N, C-alpha and C. Protein backbone atom coordinates (compact mmCIF):
# COMPACT_ATOMS: atom_id res chain seq x y z
N MET A 1 -17.17 15.21 -6.32
CA MET A 1 -16.88 16.77 -6.88
C MET A 1 -18.03 16.77 -7.88
N VAL A 2 -18.33 18.72 -7.19
CA VAL A 2 -19.01 19.45 -7.00
C VAL A 2 -18.75 20.63 -8.23
N ILE A 3 -19.34 20.70 -9.31
CA ILE A 3 -19.00 22.29 -10.06
C ILE A 3 -20.18 22.23 -10.55
N GLY A 4 -20.27 23.89 -11.57
CA GLY A 4 -20.33 23.96 -11.82
C GLY A 4 -20.52 25.89 -12.28
N CYS A 5 -21.00 26.74 -12.92
CA CYS A 5 -21.22 28.40 -12.99
C CYS A 5 -21.09 28.84 -11.25
N ALA A 6 -20.27 29.67 -11.38
CA ALA A 6 -20.60 31.12 -10.47
C ALA A 6 -22.19 30.62 -10.33
N GLU A 7 -22.62 31.20 -8.67
CA GLU A 7 -23.92 31.13 -8.32
C GLU A 7 -24.61 30.50 -8.27
N ALA A 8 -24.32 28.83 -9.14
CA ALA A 8 -25.74 27.73 -9.15
C ALA A 8 -25.79 27.37 -8.44
N GLY A 9 -25.35 27.66 -6.42
CA GLY A 9 -26.58 26.64 -5.56
C GLY A 9 -24.94 24.99 -4.84
N LYS A 10 -24.16 25.12 -5.84
CA LYS A 10 -23.09 24.45 -4.98
C LYS A 10 -22.86 23.94 -3.94
N THR A 11 -22.57 25.09 -3.51
CA THR A 11 -22.20 25.25 -1.33
C THR A 11 -23.65 25.18 -0.80
N THR A 12 -24.29 25.19 -1.16
CA THR A 12 -25.54 25.40 -0.64
C THR A 12 -26.38 23.72 -0.45
N LEU A 13 -26.15 23.38 -1.52
CA LEU A 13 -25.60 21.50 -2.19
C LEU A 13 -25.79 20.81 -1.42
N ILE A 14 -24.52 21.63 -1.10
CA ILE A 14 -23.81 20.32 -0.56
C ILE A 14 -24.12 20.63 1.54
N ARG A 15 -25.11 21.87 1.99
CA ARG A 15 -25.10 21.90 2.68
C ARG A 15 -26.74 21.66 2.95
N LYS A 16 -26.98 21.21 1.80
CA LYS A 16 -28.44 20.38 1.74
C LYS A 16 -28.67 18.95 2.67
N LEU A 17 -27.30 18.11 1.36
CA LEU A 17 -27.22 17.31 1.88
C LEU A 17 -26.44 16.53 3.18
N LYS A 18 -25.57 17.18 3.77
CA LYS A 18 -25.09 17.29 4.85
C LYS A 18 -26.56 17.26 6.33
N GLY A 19 -27.32 18.03 5.79
CA GLY A 19 -28.67 18.05 6.72
C GLY A 19 -28.54 19.44 7.13
N GLU A 20 -27.94 19.90 6.71
CA GLU A 20 -27.93 21.69 7.44
C GLU A 20 -29.27 22.04 7.63
N LYS A 21 -29.70 23.30 8.14
CA LYS A 21 -31.16 23.64 7.88
C LYS A 21 -30.65 25.48 8.06
N ASN A 22 -31.90 26.34 7.16
CA ASN A 22 -30.63 27.98 7.06
C ASN A 22 -29.84 27.74 6.83
N ILE A 23 -29.79 27.39 5.49
CA ILE A 23 -28.55 27.96 5.19
C ILE A 23 -28.68 29.09 4.64
N THR A 24 -26.66 29.36 4.61
CA THR A 24 -26.83 31.12 3.80
C THR A 24 -25.42 31.62 3.86
N THR A 25 -25.28 30.79 2.23
CA THR A 25 -23.67 30.97 1.94
C THR A 25 -22.93 32.68 1.88
N THR A 26 -21.38 31.79 1.50
CA THR A 26 -20.62 33.32 0.64
C THR A 26 -19.88 32.49 -0.56
N THR A 27 -19.64 33.12 -1.60
CA THR A 27 -19.16 32.49 -2.00
C THR A 27 -17.83 32.01 -1.94
N THR A 28 -17.58 30.68 -2.49
CA THR A 28 -17.13 29.79 -2.44
C THR A 28 -15.31 30.24 -2.71
N LYS A 29 -14.27 30.43 -2.99
CA LYS A 29 -12.82 30.96 -3.26
C LYS A 29 -11.74 30.02 -2.84
N GLY A 30 -11.90 29.18 -4.24
CA GLY A 30 -10.57 28.52 -4.55
C GLY A 30 -11.74 26.65 -4.17
N ILE A 31 -11.01 26.01 -3.13
CA ILE A 31 -12.28 24.85 -3.20
C ILE A 31 -11.97 24.56 -1.04
N GLU A 32 -13.78 24.27 -1.24
CA GLU A 32 -13.98 24.44 -0.25
C GLU A 32 -13.91 22.29 -0.45
N ILE A 33 -13.52 21.70 1.44
CA ILE A 33 -13.69 20.35 0.76
C ILE A 33 -14.10 20.25 1.88
N ASN A 34 -15.34 19.28 1.82
CA ASN A 34 -16.07 18.55 2.86
C ASN A 34 -15.62 17.06 3.16
N VAL A 35 -15.23 16.42 3.97
CA VAL A 35 -15.88 15.23 4.80
C VAL A 35 -16.77 15.13 5.77
N HIS A 36 -18.03 13.79 4.70
CA HIS A 36 -19.06 13.83 5.56
C HIS A 36 -18.99 11.85 6.03
N GLU A 37 -19.66 10.84 6.81
CA GLU A 37 -20.08 9.93 6.75
C GLU A 37 -22.03 9.80 6.64
N PHE A 38 -21.75 9.53 5.98
CA PHE A 38 -23.45 8.67 5.72
C PHE A 38 -23.77 6.85 6.21
N GLU A 39 -24.37 6.17 6.14
CA GLU A 39 -25.13 5.49 6.78
C GLU A 39 -26.29 5.13 5.38
N LEU A 40 -25.55 3.87 4.86
CA LEU A 40 -26.77 3.02 3.69
C LEU A 40 -26.97 1.33 4.89
N ASP A 41 -28.69 2.38 4.29
CA ASP A 41 -29.28 0.67 4.71
C ASP A 41 -29.70 -0.03 3.16
N ASP A 42 -28.74 -1.14 3.07
CA ASP A 42 -29.10 -1.69 1.91
C ASP A 42 -30.97 -2.33 1.60
N LYS A 43 -30.72 -2.93 3.34
CA LYS A 43 -32.27 -3.66 2.88
C LYS A 43 -33.66 -1.93 2.72
N GLU A 44 -33.37 -1.06 2.83
CA GLU A 44 -34.23 -0.23 2.94
C GLU A 44 -34.02 0.86 2.29
N CYS A 45 -32.52 0.01 1.07
CA CYS A 45 -32.44 1.50 -0.24
C CYS A 45 -32.39 3.36 0.59
N THR A 46 -32.14 3.46 1.46
CA THR A 46 -31.79 4.95 1.48
C THR A 46 -29.94 4.98 1.86
N ILE A 47 -30.21 5.67 2.18
CA ILE A 47 -28.70 7.01 2.68
C ILE A 47 -29.72 7.51 3.81
N LYS A 48 -28.69 8.04 4.92
CA LYS A 48 -29.02 9.29 5.97
C LYS A 48 -27.88 9.84 6.14
N THR A 49 -28.33 11.07 6.41
CA THR A 49 -27.47 11.69 7.54
C THR A 49 -26.79 11.23 8.45
N CYS A 50 -26.14 10.70 8.97
CA CYS A 50 -25.38 10.69 10.50
C CYS A 50 -25.25 11.91 11.53
N GLU A 51 -26.21 11.60 12.63
CA GLU A 51 -25.96 12.32 13.42
C GLU A 51 -23.57 13.45 13.90
N LYS A 52 -23.65 14.43 14.30
CA LYS A 52 -22.83 14.86 13.57
C LYS A 52 -22.18 15.95 14.72
N THR A 53 -20.72 15.76 14.93
CA THR A 53 -20.40 16.57 15.38
C THR A 53 -18.86 17.14 14.69
N MET A 54 -19.19 18.80 14.44
CA MET A 54 -18.20 19.29 13.58
C MET A 54 -16.82 19.20 14.11
N ASP A 55 -16.02 19.49 13.31
CA ASP A 55 -14.33 18.83 13.87
C ASP A 55 -14.10 20.54 13.05
N ILE A 56 -14.31 21.43 13.66
CA ILE A 56 -13.93 22.66 12.50
C ILE A 56 -12.68 23.22 11.49
N GLU A 57 -12.09 23.05 12.55
CA GLU A 57 -10.37 21.90 11.97
C GLU A 57 -10.34 21.74 10.82
N GLU A 58 -10.49 20.48 10.55
CA GLU A 58 -10.18 20.14 9.76
C GLU A 58 -11.86 19.87 8.89
N ASN A 59 -12.98 20.53 9.53
CA ASN A 59 -14.75 20.17 7.98
C ASN A 59 -15.17 18.92 8.62
N THR A 60 -14.55 18.23 9.00
CA THR A 60 -15.11 17.23 8.52
C THR A 60 -15.64 16.88 9.72
N SER A 61 -17.21 15.77 9.71
CA SER A 61 -17.54 15.32 11.06
C SER A 61 -17.74 13.65 11.96
N ASN A 62 -17.93 13.76 12.72
CA ASN A 62 -17.91 12.27 13.11
C ASN A 62 -19.57 11.55 13.83
N ALA A 63 -19.81 10.11 13.24
CA ALA A 63 -21.09 9.81 13.60
C ALA A 63 -21.16 8.27 14.67
N SER A 64 -22.20 8.24 14.64
CA SER A 64 -22.48 7.23 15.40
C SER A 64 -23.31 6.54 15.04
N ALA A 65 -23.49 5.66 14.02
CA ALA A 65 -24.45 4.14 13.64
C ALA A 65 -23.99 3.25 13.43
N ASN A 66 -24.16 2.32 13.44
CA ASN A 66 -23.31 0.26 12.57
C ASN A 66 -22.70 1.53 12.33
N GLU A 67 -21.47 0.99 12.00
CA GLU A 67 -20.42 1.22 11.24
C GLU A 67 -20.12 0.58 10.57
N ASP A 68 -21.14 -0.95 9.95
CA ASP A 68 -20.93 -1.29 9.06
C ASP A 68 -21.32 -0.21 7.44
N ASN A 69 -21.78 0.30 7.70
CA ASN A 69 -23.12 0.48 6.98
C ASN A 69 -22.26 1.90 6.86
N LEU A 70 -21.48 2.50 7.32
CA LEU A 70 -21.41 3.31 7.72
C LEU A 70 -20.40 4.34 5.91
N LYS A 71 -20.51 5.04 5.62
CA LYS A 71 -19.38 5.46 4.47
C LYS A 71 -19.07 6.16 4.20
N MET A 72 -17.73 6.87 4.15
CA MET A 72 -16.77 8.10 4.43
C MET A 72 -17.06 9.44 2.73
N LEU A 73 -18.03 10.36 2.66
CA LEU A 73 -18.02 10.99 1.35
C LEU A 73 -16.70 12.24 1.40
N SER A 74 -16.31 11.94 0.92
CA SER A 74 -15.81 13.80 0.81
C SER A 74 -16.88 14.51 0.03
N LEU A 75 -16.43 15.54 -0.62
CA LEU A 75 -17.61 16.01 -1.52
C LEU A 75 -17.10 17.35 -1.47
N LEU A 76 -16.23 17.80 -2.95
CA LEU A 76 -14.40 19.30 -3.28
C LEU A 76 -15.44 19.80 -4.41
N ASP A 77 -16.04 20.99 -3.52
CA ASP A 77 -16.71 21.93 -3.73
C ASP A 77 -15.63 22.85 -4.25
N PHE A 78 -16.06 23.49 -5.64
CA PHE A 78 -15.19 23.38 -6.65
C PHE A 78 -15.41 25.60 -7.05
N ALA A 79 -14.50 26.14 -6.32
CA ALA A 79 -15.95 27.71 -6.34
C ALA A 79 -16.04 27.50 -8.67
N GLY A 80 -17.09 29.13 -9.00
CA GLY A 80 -17.52 28.47 -10.10
C GLY A 80 -17.50 29.53 -10.32
N GLN A 81 -15.88 30.87 -10.57
CA GLN A 81 -15.47 31.91 -11.11
C GLN A 81 -14.35 31.42 -12.44
N SER A 82 -14.08 31.30 -13.42
CA SER A 82 -13.27 30.99 -14.37
C SER A 82 -12.37 31.84 -13.61
N ALA A 83 -11.50 32.09 -12.72
CA ALA A 83 -9.80 32.17 -12.31
C ALA A 83 -9.90 31.42 -11.83
N TYR A 84 -10.58 30.44 -11.49
CA TYR A 84 -9.64 28.85 -10.11
C TYR A 84 -10.37 27.42 -11.35
N TYR A 85 -10.32 27.88 -13.01
CA TYR A 85 -10.98 27.15 -13.48
C TYR A 85 -9.46 26.55 -14.17
N ALA A 86 -8.12 26.73 -14.56
CA ALA A 86 -7.50 26.01 -14.47
C ALA A 86 -6.88 25.07 -13.69
N CYS A 87 -6.96 25.62 -12.58
CA CYS A 87 -6.86 24.69 -10.71
C CYS A 87 -7.88 22.95 -10.98
N HIS A 88 -9.03 23.17 -10.96
CA HIS A 88 -9.83 22.21 -11.38
C HIS A 88 -9.60 20.76 -12.28
N HIS A 89 -9.16 20.95 -12.21
CA HIS A 89 -8.90 19.05 -13.90
C HIS A 89 -7.56 18.74 -12.97
N ILE A 90 -7.07 19.96 -11.94
CA ILE A 90 -5.71 19.10 -10.98
C ILE A 90 -6.68 17.54 -10.04
N PHE A 91 -7.85 17.96 -9.72
CA PHE A 91 -8.44 16.73 -8.74
C PHE A 91 -9.75 16.11 -9.43
N PHE A 92 -9.69 16.26 -10.86
CA PHE A 92 -10.42 14.99 -11.80
C PHE A 92 -9.87 13.95 -12.07
N SER A 93 -10.56 13.13 -11.14
CA SER A 93 -9.86 10.97 -11.33
C SER A 93 -11.34 10.15 -12.05
N PRO A 94 -10.55 9.43 -12.11
CA PRO A 94 -11.45 8.24 -13.19
C PRO A 94 -11.90 7.09 -11.81
N ARG A 95 -11.83 7.53 -10.71
CA ARG A 95 -12.18 6.76 -9.59
C ARG A 95 -13.52 8.13 -9.12
N ALA A 96 -14.15 9.27 -9.33
CA ALA A 96 -14.57 10.58 -8.61
C ALA A 96 -15.88 10.09 -9.47
N PHE A 97 -16.59 10.70 -9.03
CA PHE A 97 -18.34 11.05 -9.37
C PHE A 97 -18.70 12.40 -9.49
N TYR A 98 -19.21 13.38 -10.72
CA TYR A 98 -19.31 14.18 -10.30
C TYR A 98 -20.98 14.54 -10.49
N ILE A 99 -20.83 15.62 -9.63
CA ILE A 99 -22.31 16.79 -9.34
C ILE A 99 -22.62 17.80 -9.85
N LEU A 100 -22.70 17.73 -11.51
CA LEU A 100 -23.10 19.88 -12.44
C LEU A 100 -24.18 20.19 -12.20
N VAL A 101 -24.31 21.62 -10.73
CA VAL A 101 -24.37 22.61 -10.30
C VAL A 101 -25.11 23.09 -11.74
N VAL A 102 -26.24 23.12 -12.04
CA VAL A 102 -26.56 24.37 -13.09
C VAL A 102 -27.98 24.82 -12.84
N ASP A 103 -27.87 26.29 -12.97
CA ASP A 103 -29.91 27.58 -12.36
C ASP A 103 -29.90 27.45 -13.40
N ILE A 104 -31.44 25.84 -12.63
CA ILE A 104 -32.32 26.69 -13.55
C ILE A 104 -33.01 27.48 -14.28
N SER A 105 -33.08 28.56 -13.69
CA SER A 105 -33.81 29.78 -13.70
C SER A 105 -32.50 31.45 -14.92
N LYS A 106 -32.33 30.46 -15.55
CA LYS A 106 -31.12 30.42 -16.25
C LYS A 106 -31.52 30.64 -17.59
N ASP A 107 -31.70 31.26 -19.02
CA ASP A 107 -31.54 31.01 -20.37
C ASP A 107 -30.27 30.03 -21.27
N LEU A 108 -30.62 28.81 -21.26
CA LEU A 108 -29.03 28.44 -21.63
C LEU A 108 -28.72 29.18 -22.94
N ASN A 109 -29.57 29.43 -23.69
CA ASN A 109 -28.83 30.26 -24.72
C ASN A 109 -28.27 31.60 -24.37
N SER A 110 -28.31 31.93 -23.43
CA SER A 110 -27.74 32.97 -22.79
C SER A 110 -26.51 33.26 -22.71
N GLN A 111 -26.09 34.38 -22.30
CA GLN A 111 -24.27 34.81 -21.62
C GLN A 111 -24.16 34.65 -20.14
N ALA A 112 -22.97 33.16 -19.95
CA ALA A 112 -23.38 33.72 -18.89
C ALA A 112 -22.91 34.75 -18.07
N ASP A 113 -23.53 35.30 -16.80
CA ASP A 113 -23.44 36.66 -16.06
C ASP A 113 -22.46 36.57 -15.15
N LYS A 114 -22.34 36.08 -14.23
CA LYS A 114 -21.09 36.14 -12.91
C LYS A 114 -20.17 34.40 -12.95
N ALA A 115 -19.77 34.03 -14.70
CA ALA A 115 -18.84 33.36 -14.78
C ALA A 115 -17.03 33.88 -14.54
N CYS A 116 -17.90 34.75 -15.90
CA CYS A 116 -17.15 35.69 -15.81
C CYS A 116 -16.06 37.26 -16.10
N ASP A 117 -15.30 37.84 -15.94
CA ASP A 117 -14.68 38.75 -15.88
C ASP A 117 -14.53 39.57 -15.98
N GLN A 118 -13.24 38.96 -16.57
CA GLN A 118 -12.50 39.30 -17.66
C GLN A 118 -13.06 39.43 -18.73
N GLU A 119 -12.64 40.79 -19.58
CA GLU A 119 -13.01 40.30 -21.24
C GLU A 119 -11.58 40.54 -21.75
N GLY A 120 -12.02 39.44 -23.26
CA GLY A 120 -10.90 38.72 -23.74
C GLY A 120 -9.96 37.67 -23.12
N LEU A 121 -10.74 37.10 -22.59
CA LEU A 121 -10.36 35.53 -22.25
C LEU A 121 -11.35 34.24 -22.95
N ILE A 122 -11.27 33.04 -22.92
CA ILE A 122 -12.26 32.78 -23.95
C ILE A 122 -13.13 31.99 -23.68
N TYR A 123 -13.64 32.60 -21.96
CA TYR A 123 -15.28 32.29 -21.45
C TYR A 123 -15.68 33.77 -21.42
N SER A 124 -15.49 34.83 -21.44
CA SER A 124 -16.27 36.25 -21.78
C SER A 124 -16.82 36.04 -22.63
N ASN A 125 -17.49 35.53 -23.14
CA ASN A 125 -18.90 34.93 -24.57
C ASN A 125 -19.60 34.29 -24.08
N TRP A 126 -19.27 33.35 -23.53
CA TRP A 126 -19.87 31.55 -23.11
C TRP A 126 -21.69 31.74 -22.55
N THR A 127 -21.84 30.87 -22.59
CA THR A 127 -23.62 30.98 -22.30
C THR A 127 -23.43 30.02 -21.54
N TYR A 128 -24.92 30.01 -20.64
CA TYR A 128 -24.64 29.03 -19.89
C TYR A 128 -24.05 27.27 -20.66
N ALA A 129 -25.08 27.26 -21.80
CA ALA A 129 -24.58 25.36 -22.24
C ALA A 129 -23.89 25.80 -23.66
N ASP A 130 -22.78 27.23 -23.21
CA ASP A 130 -21.18 26.47 -23.47
C ASP A 130 -20.62 26.05 -22.59
N TYR A 131 -20.57 26.87 -20.92
CA TYR A 131 -20.31 25.78 -19.95
C TYR A 131 -20.63 24.58 -19.28
N ILE A 132 -21.83 24.50 -20.07
CA ILE A 132 -22.37 22.80 -19.68
C ILE A 132 -21.73 21.99 -20.38
N LYS A 133 -21.13 22.12 -21.65
CA LYS A 133 -20.40 21.62 -22.70
C LYS A 133 -19.54 21.52 -21.82
N TYR A 134 -18.61 22.54 -21.57
CA TYR A 134 -17.14 22.35 -21.12
C TYR A 134 -16.84 21.50 -19.79
N TRP A 135 -17.77 22.11 -19.19
CA TRP A 135 -17.47 20.95 -17.88
C TRP A 135 -17.72 19.37 -18.66
N LEU A 136 -18.67 19.39 -18.41
CA LEU A 136 -19.04 17.60 -19.29
C LEU A 136 -17.83 17.29 -20.15
N GLY A 137 -16.79 17.64 -20.90
CA GLY A 137 -16.24 18.04 -21.51
C GLY A 137 -14.79 17.69 -20.71
N SER A 138 -15.06 18.67 -20.04
CA SER A 138 -13.52 18.82 -18.68
C SER A 138 -13.45 17.19 -18.41
N ILE A 139 -14.82 16.16 -17.92
CA ILE A 139 -14.80 15.22 -16.69
C ILE A 139 -13.75 14.01 -17.72
N HIS A 140 -14.77 14.43 -18.71
CA HIS A 140 -14.07 12.89 -20.50
C HIS A 140 -12.76 13.09 -20.65
N THR A 141 -12.68 14.68 -20.67
CA THR A 141 -10.37 14.63 -20.87
C THR A 141 -10.10 14.61 -19.30
N TYR A 142 -10.10 14.81 -18.39
CA TYR A 142 -9.26 14.29 -17.26
C TYR A 142 -9.80 13.64 -15.86
N GLY A 143 -11.31 13.64 -16.53
CA GLY A 143 -11.51 11.74 -15.34
C GLY A 143 -11.64 11.17 -15.94
N SER A 144 -12.90 10.71 -16.73
CA SER A 144 -12.65 9.52 -17.96
C SER A 144 -14.71 9.82 -18.21
N MET A 145 -14.46 8.87 -19.15
CA MET A 145 -15.02 9.05 -20.18
C MET A 145 -16.20 7.87 -20.01
N SER A 146 -16.45 7.69 -18.07
CA SER A 146 -17.16 6.42 -17.72
C SER A 146 -17.49 7.09 -16.17
N ALA A 147 -16.72 8.42 -16.15
CA ALA A 147 -17.55 8.84 -14.52
C ALA A 147 -19.32 8.71 -14.72
N PRO A 148 -19.42 8.65 -13.62
CA PRO A 148 -21.33 9.36 -13.29
C PRO A 148 -20.88 10.70 -12.68
N VAL A 149 -21.77 11.61 -13.81
CA VAL A 149 -22.62 12.46 -13.74
C VAL A 149 -23.77 12.97 -13.00
N ILE A 150 -24.14 13.70 -12.49
CA ILE A 150 -25.43 13.76 -11.45
C ILE A 150 -25.68 14.96 -11.82
N LEU A 151 -26.41 15.27 -12.80
CA LEU A 151 -26.82 16.47 -13.28
C LEU A 151 -28.08 16.91 -12.06
N VAL A 152 -27.85 18.40 -11.58
CA VAL A 152 -28.48 18.90 -10.36
C VAL A 152 -29.67 20.56 -11.05
N PHE A 153 -30.54 20.31 -11.04
CA PHE A 153 -30.89 22.16 -11.33
C PHE A 153 -31.61 22.17 -9.96
N SER A 154 -30.60 23.71 -9.97
CA SER A 154 -31.17 25.04 -8.70
C SER A 154 -31.81 25.97 -9.21
N HIS A 155 -32.50 26.82 -8.05
CA HIS A 155 -33.10 27.57 -8.29
C HIS A 155 -34.18 27.03 -8.98
N SER A 156 -35.10 26.63 -9.17
CA SER A 156 -36.16 25.72 -9.13
C SER A 156 -37.22 27.10 -8.40
N GLU A 157 -36.79 27.59 -7.46
CA GLU A 157 -37.98 28.32 -6.46
C GLU A 157 -38.76 30.16 -7.88
N ASP A 158 -37.64 29.63 -7.98
CA ASP A 158 -37.11 31.60 -9.10
C ASP A 158 -37.88 31.24 -10.79
N ILE A 159 -38.02 29.83 -10.89
CA ILE A 159 -38.96 30.21 -12.07
C ILE A 159 -41.12 29.18 -11.73
N GLY A 160 -41.28 29.87 -10.84
CA GLY A 160 -42.57 29.38 -10.02
C GLY A 160 -42.57 27.65 -10.04
N ALA A 161 -41.88 27.21 -9.70
CA ALA A 161 -42.05 25.03 -9.37
C ALA A 161 -42.56 25.43 -9.13
N ASP A 162 -44.11 23.99 -9.05
CA ASP A 162 -44.49 24.19 -7.26
C ASP A 162 -43.79 22.39 -7.20
N PRO A 163 -42.95 23.14 -5.45
CA PRO A 163 -42.59 22.27 -4.46
C PRO A 163 -43.22 21.21 -4.80
N ASP A 164 -43.98 21.08 -4.68
CA ASP A 164 -44.95 19.07 -4.37
C ASP A 164 -43.66 18.27 -5.54
N LYS A 165 -43.40 19.40 -6.96
CA LYS A 165 -43.24 18.29 -7.90
C LYS A 165 -42.37 18.48 -8.12
N VAL A 166 -41.22 19.43 -7.61
CA VAL A 166 -39.77 18.92 -7.59
C VAL A 166 -39.16 18.26 -6.70
N VAL A 167 -38.11 17.62 -7.75
CA VAL A 167 -37.41 15.77 -7.13
C VAL A 167 -36.53 16.70 -6.78
N ARG A 168 -36.46 15.89 -5.11
CA ARG A 168 -35.39 16.41 -4.13
C ARG A 168 -34.73 14.88 -4.57
């Protein structure tokens, strides 16, 4: 599951993982489910995206590679606006792994600007750090205390990070 604040880069990350080039995105509404096949090579410790053809109706991809090494991965891309938060927990599972995307160009102690657009909600004055705590707490509460969480920092180009030193 790919989670994080609005405009953190969740959809862009998924598209890059799928091997897409020249990525343009729009705001995700609700949830977008992506099913993709990857080829695992245990001898070389590599994961490769397979050649694919998109089946637009189901948003899945078909691959041609060694069937024994193919692994199917479903990536759930959740909208980051607070209006959708109540729905996220339904999909949390002890068998899932989570990718928490954080916009590194934002000050963690500043108020999250795009996450909540309604006054009076508990989220309306939260900082980016509050949202990170919220997501980790949600994973532990509705998923599992031992669920793997991959923390991805996005938007490194906005802080002048050296592209050669950024881990890809």
